[in-house]
Amino acid sequence: METFYYEVVSIDGDYANLKRTDIESDELKLVARALLPPEIREGSRLKYEWMQYSLI
């Protein structure tokens, strides 16, 4: 499985916008907050591995 790294750019209700940080990309990924760790804030850094997000 591949590992991806993201930063939480914004939180809008039940969703968060994530930006990839391990590659050059301006594209945002909209993810339901239910899939993310509950303690995330704007600026939090996340690792996506084995279909699971975790704080780093």
N, C-alpha and C. Protein backbone atom coordinates (compact mmCIF):
# COMPACT_ATOMS: atom_id res chain seq x y z
N MET A 1 0.84 -1.19 0.00
CA MET A 1 0.00 0.00 0.00
C MET A 1 0.88 1.25 0.00
N GLU A 2 0.40 2.26 -0.70
CA GLU A 2 1.12 3.52 -0.73
C GLU A 2 0.78 4.37 0.48
N THR A 3 1.67 5.30 0.79
CA THR A 3 1.46 6.25 1.88
C THR A 3 1.38 7.65 1.28
N PHE A 4 0.39 8.43 1.70
CA PHE A 4 0.21 9.80 1.23
C PHE A 4 0.20 10.73 2.44
N TYR A 5 0.69 11.95 2.24
CA TYR A 5 0.72 12.94 3.32
C TYR A 5 -0.13 14.14 2.91
N TYR A 6 -0.90 14.65 3.88
CA TYR A 6 -1.83 15.74 3.64
C TYR A 6 -1.72 16.79 4.75
N GLU A 7 -2.18 17.98 4.41
CA GLU A 7 -2.37 19.05 5.39
C GLU A 7 -3.83 19.46 5.33
N VAL A 8 -4.43 19.70 6.50
CA VAL A 8 -5.82 20.17 6.55
C VAL A 8 -5.81 21.66 6.22
N VAL A 9 -6.41 22.01 5.09
CA VAL A 9 -6.44 23.39 4.63
C VAL A 9 -7.62 24.13 5.26
N SER A 10 -8.78 23.47 5.29
CA SER A 10 -9.96 24.10 5.88
C SER A 10 -10.93 23.02 6.35
N ILE A 11 -11.77 23.42 7.29
CA ILE A 11 -12.81 22.54 7.80
C ILE A 11 -14.14 23.25 7.58
N ASP A 12 -15.07 22.55 6.94
CA ASP A 12 -16.37 23.13 6.63
C ASP A 12 -17.45 22.15 7.08
N GLY A 13 -17.91 22.33 8.30
CA GLY A 13 -18.95 21.45 8.84
C GLY A 13 -18.47 20.02 8.98
N ASP A 14 -19.09 19.10 8.27
CA ASP A 14 -18.76 17.68 8.36
C ASP A 14 -17.67 17.25 7.39
N TYR A 15 -17.04 18.21 6.72
CA TYR A 15 -16.02 17.89 5.72
C TYR A 15 -14.76 18.70 5.95
N ALA A 16 -13.64 18.17 5.48
CA ALA A 16 -12.37 18.88 5.54
C ALA A 16 -11.73 18.85 4.15
N ASN A 17 -11.07 19.94 3.80
CA ASN A 17 -10.32 20.01 2.56
C ASN A 17 -8.87 19.70 2.87
N LEU A 18 -8.33 18.69 2.18
CA LEU A 18 -6.96 18.27 2.41
C LEU A 18 -6.13 18.55 1.17
N LYS A 19 -4.86 18.94 1.40
CA LYS A 19 -3.93 19.19 0.31
C LYS A 19 -2.75 18.24 0.45
N ARG A 20 -2.38 17.57 -0.64
CA ARG A 20 -1.22 16.67 -0.62
C ARG A 20 0.03 17.47 -0.35
N THR A 21 0.90 16.95 0.50
CA THR A 21 2.15 17.64 0.79
C THR A 21 3.36 16.84 0.33
N ASP A 22 3.15 15.60 -0.09
CA ASP A 22 4.29 14.78 -0.53
C ASP A 22 4.58 14.94 -2.02
N ILE A 23 3.71 15.64 -2.74
CA ILE A 23 3.92 15.96 -4.15
C ILE A 23 3.48 17.39 -4.40
N GLU A 24 3.91 17.96 -5.52
CA GLU A 24 3.46 19.29 -5.92
C GLU A 24 2.04 19.19 -6.46
N SER A 25 1.09 19.79 -5.76
CA SER A 25 -0.29 19.76 -6.21
C SER A 25 -1.08 20.88 -5.54
N ASP A 26 -1.90 21.56 -6.33
CA ASP A 26 -2.79 22.60 -5.79
C ASP A 26 -4.19 22.05 -5.60
N GLU A 27 -4.39 20.80 -5.98
CA GLU A 27 -5.70 20.17 -5.90
C GLU A 27 -6.05 19.85 -4.45
N LEU A 28 -7.31 20.10 -4.07
CA LEU A 28 -7.79 19.78 -2.73
C LEU A 28 -8.67 18.54 -2.78
N LYS A 29 -8.62 17.77 -1.71
CA LYS A 29 -9.43 16.56 -1.60
C LYS A 29 -10.45 16.79 -0.49
N LEU A 30 -11.72 16.63 -0.80
CA LEU A 30 -12.79 16.79 0.19
C LEU A 30 -13.04 15.45 0.87
N VAL A 31 -12.89 15.43 2.20
CA VAL A 31 -13.00 14.18 2.96
C VAL A 31 -13.97 14.39 4.12
N ALA A 32 -14.84 13.42 4.35
CA ALA A 32 -15.77 13.49 5.48
C ALA A 32 -14.99 13.43 6.78
N ARG A 33 -15.34 14.29 7.72
CA ARG A 33 -14.62 14.34 9.01
C ARG A 33 -14.76 13.04 9.79
N ALA A 34 -15.80 12.27 9.51
CA ALA A 34 -15.98 10.98 10.20
C ALA A 34 -14.83 10.03 9.87
N LEU A 35 -14.14 10.24 8.76
CA LEU A 35 -13.01 9.39 8.37
C LEU A 35 -11.68 9.88 8.93
N LEU A 36 -11.69 11.07 9.54
CA LEU A 36 -10.46 11.70 10.04
C LEU A 36 -10.39 11.63 11.56
N PRO A 37 -9.18 11.76 12.12
CA PRO A 37 -9.07 11.80 13.58
C PRO A 37 -9.89 12.98 14.13
N PRO A 38 -10.60 12.80 15.24
CA PRO A 38 -11.49 13.86 15.75
C PRO A 38 -10.75 15.12 16.20
N GLU A 39 -9.48 15.04 16.51
CA GLU A 39 -8.75 16.20 17.04
C GLU A 39 -8.10 17.07 15.96
N ILE A 40 -8.42 16.86 14.68
CA ILE A 40 -7.80 17.66 13.63
C ILE A 40 -8.21 19.13 13.74
N ARG A 41 -7.33 19.99 13.28
CA ARG A 41 -7.56 21.43 13.18
C ARG A 41 -6.99 21.87 11.84
N GLU A 42 -7.32 23.08 11.41
CA GLU A 42 -6.70 23.62 10.20
C GLU A 42 -5.20 23.68 10.44
N GLY A 43 -4.44 23.18 9.49
CA GLY A 43 -2.99 23.14 9.61
C GLY A 43 -2.46 21.79 10.11
N SER A 44 -3.35 20.92 10.57
CA SER A 44 -2.93 19.59 11.02
C SER A 44 -2.34 18.81 9.85
N ARG A 45 -1.35 18.00 10.15
CA ARG A 45 -0.73 17.15 9.13
C ARG A 45 -1.18 15.72 9.34
N LEU A 46 -1.53 15.07 8.23
CA LEU A 46 -2.08 13.72 8.29
C LEU A 46 -1.29 12.77 7.40
N LYS A 47 -1.31 11.51 7.79
CA LYS A 47 -0.74 10.45 6.96
C LYS A 47 -1.88 9.51 6.61
N TYR A 48 -1.97 9.15 5.32
CA TYR A 48 -2.99 8.21 4.85
C TYR A 48 -2.28 6.93 4.45
N GLU A 49 -2.58 5.86 5.18
CA GLU A 49 -1.94 4.58 4.93
C GLU A 49 -2.91 3.48 5.32
N TRP A 50 -2.99 2.44 4.51
CA TRP A 50 -3.88 1.31 4.77
C TRP A 50 -5.32 1.77 4.96
N MET A 51 -5.73 2.71 4.09
CA MET A 51 -7.12 3.22 4.09
C MET A 51 -7.52 3.89 5.41
N GLN A 52 -6.54 4.51 6.09
CA GLN A 52 -6.81 5.15 7.38
C GLN A 52 -5.96 6.42 7.50
N TYR A 53 -6.57 7.48 8.03
CA TYR A 53 -5.87 8.74 8.28
C TYR A 53 -5.40 8.77 9.73
N SER A 54 -4.16 9.27 9.93
CA SER A 54 -3.65 9.45 11.29
C SER A 54 -2.87 10.75 11.36
N LEU A 55 -2.89 11.38 12.54
CA LEU A 55 -2.14 12.61 12.76
C LEU A 55 -0.64 12.31 12.83
N ILE A 56 0.15 13.25 12.29
CA ILE A 56 1.60 13.13 12.44
C ILE A 56 2.15 14.39 13.08
